[in-house]
Protein backbone atom coordinates (compact mmCIF):
# COMPACT_ATOMS: atom_id res chain seq x y z
CA UNK A 1 -33.09 8.20 21.82
CA UNK A 2 -34.96 4.94 21.74
CA UNK A 3 -33.66 1.72 23.24
CA UNK A 4 -32.71 0.21 19.88
CA UNK A 5 -30.61 3.25 18.84
CA UNK A 6 -28.98 3.32 22.25
CA UNK A 7 -27.97 -0.35 22.00
CA UNK A 8 -26.67 0.10 18.44
CA UNK A 9 -24.48 3.03 19.53
CA UNK A 10 -23.30 1.14 22.57
CA UNK A 11 -22.24 -1.81 20.39
CA UNK A 12 -20.43 0.52 17.96
CA UNK A 13 -18.54 2.15 20.81
CA UNK A 14 -17.60 -1.23 22.28
CA UNK A 15 -16.37 -2.51 18.90
CA UNK A 16 -14.31 0.65 18.37
CA UNK A 17 -12.75 0.30 21.81
CA UNK A 18 -11.77 -3.31 21.11
CA UNK A 19 -10.59 -2.86 17.52
CA UNK A 20 -8.79 0.49 17.80
CA UNK A 21 -5.78 -0.81 19.80
CA UNK A 22 -5.28 -3.65 17.30
CA UNK A 23 -5.46 -1.25 14.35
CA UNK A 24 -2.98 1.10 16.01
CA UNK A 25 -0.58 -1.73 16.79
CA UNK A 26 -0.74 -2.91 13.18
CA UNK A 27 -0.14 0.63 11.91
CA UNK A 28 3.00 0.91 14.06
CA UNK A 29 4.52 -2.34 12.82
CA UNK A 30 7.13 -1.99 10.07
CA UNK A 31 5.91 -2.87 6.60
CA UNK A 32 7.06 -6.31 5.41
CA UNK A 33 9.72 -6.35 2.70
CA UNK A 34 8.70 -8.32 -0.38
CA UNK A 35 10.91 -9.84 -3.10
CA UNK A 36 10.09 -8.79 -6.65
CA UNK A 37 11.37 -8.41 -10.17
CA UNK A 38 10.86 -5.17 -12.04
CA UNK A 39 8.94 -5.65 -15.29
CA UNK A 40 8.58 -1.99 -16.29
CA UNK A 41 9.52 1.46 -14.99
CA UNK A 42 7.39 4.47 -15.95
CA UNK A 43 9.25 7.34 -14.30
CA UNK A 44 7.16 9.98 -16.10
CA UNK A 45 3.98 8.64 -14.44
CA UNK A 46 5.64 7.63 -11.15
CA UNK A 47 4.67 3.99 -11.63
CA UNK A 48 6.44 0.64 -11.58
CA UNK A 49 5.31 -2.81 -12.67
CA UNK A 50 6.48 -5.57 -10.34
CA UNK A 51 6.25 -9.35 -10.38
CA UNK A 52 6.08 -9.83 -6.62
CA UNK A 53 5.63 -12.38 -3.90
CA UNK A 54 2.89 -12.29 -1.25
CA UNK A 55 2.30 -8.89 0.39
CA UNK A 56 0.94 -9.87 3.82
CA UNK A 57 -0.06 -6.40 5.06
CA UNK A 58 -2.25 -5.95 1.96
CA UNK A 59 -3.55 -9.53 2.07
CA UNK A 60 -2.37 -9.91 -1.53
CA UNK A 61 -0.98 -13.01 -3.16
CA UNK A 62 1.90 -13.19 -5.61
CA UNK A 63 1.21 -11.60 -9.00
CA UNK A 64 2.39 -8.99 -11.49
CA UNK A 65 0.88 -5.53 -11.17
CA UNK A 66 1.44 -1.79 -11.46
CA UNK A 67 2.10 0.29 -8.35
CA UNK A 68 2.35 4.01 -7.78
CA UNK A 69 5.60 5.06 -6.06
CA UNK A 70 5.63 7.31 -3.00
CA UNK A 71 8.72 9.15 -4.22
CA UNK A 72 9.65 9.29 -7.93
CA UNK A 73 13.33 9.32 -6.88
CA UNK A 74 12.90 5.62 -6.03
CA UNK A 75 12.81 4.91 -9.78
CA UNK A 76 15.99 6.72 -10.84
CA UNK A 77 18.46 3.85 -10.36
CA UNK A 78 16.34 0.82 -11.31
CA UNK A 79 15.39 -0.85 -14.58
CA UNK A 80 13.37 -3.74 -15.97
CA UNK A 81 14.88 -7.07 -14.93
CA UNK A 82 16.29 -5.84 -11.61
CA UNK A 83 15.58 -7.99 -8.57
CA UNK A 84 14.36 -5.78 -5.73
CA UNK A 85 12.90 -5.75 -2.25
CA UNK A 86 10.06 -3.36 -1.60
CA UNK A 87 7.40 -2.33 0.86
CA UNK A 88 3.90 -1.27 -0.12
CA UNK A 89 0.74 0.01 1.46
CA UNK A 90 -2.58 1.51 0.46
CA UNK A 91 -2.30 5.31 0.27
CA UNK A 92 -5.31 7.39 -0.73
CA UNK A 93 -6.92 4.31 -2.23
CA UNK A 94 -3.91 3.42 -4.41
CA UNK A 95 -1.37 0.65 -3.96
CA UNK A 96 1.87 2.51 -3.33
CA UNK A 97 5.52 1.43 -3.13
CA UNK A 98 6.93 3.02 0.01
CA UNK A 99 10.51 1.75 -0.27
CA UNK A 100 12.50 0.03 -3.02
CA UNK A 101 16.02 -1.38 -2.93
CA UNK A 102 17.94 -3.44 -5.45
CA UNK A 103 18.60 -6.94 -4.06
CA UNK A 104 22.22 -8.05 -4.06
């Protein structure tokens, strides 16, 4: 191994050692709950359209968009117009609703 490759690998290892604890700590933190309004429910496809506030863990601003749901049962008692609180994260490259509750 030449000196340049050795230094590159050393830097990669050092970066991994510094960043890994931060990534693990972030992964252990509970997902933030976000306020939203349901625009559309597509139970057959396991999808929901939400007009939502900022989603800090995804670095996403407020907007209206379609999400996949982790569990289709989350959609059985909700309808368009309902105000909800939800959590979301990236799962297998898709934005996914992890929890969904009707706001009272």
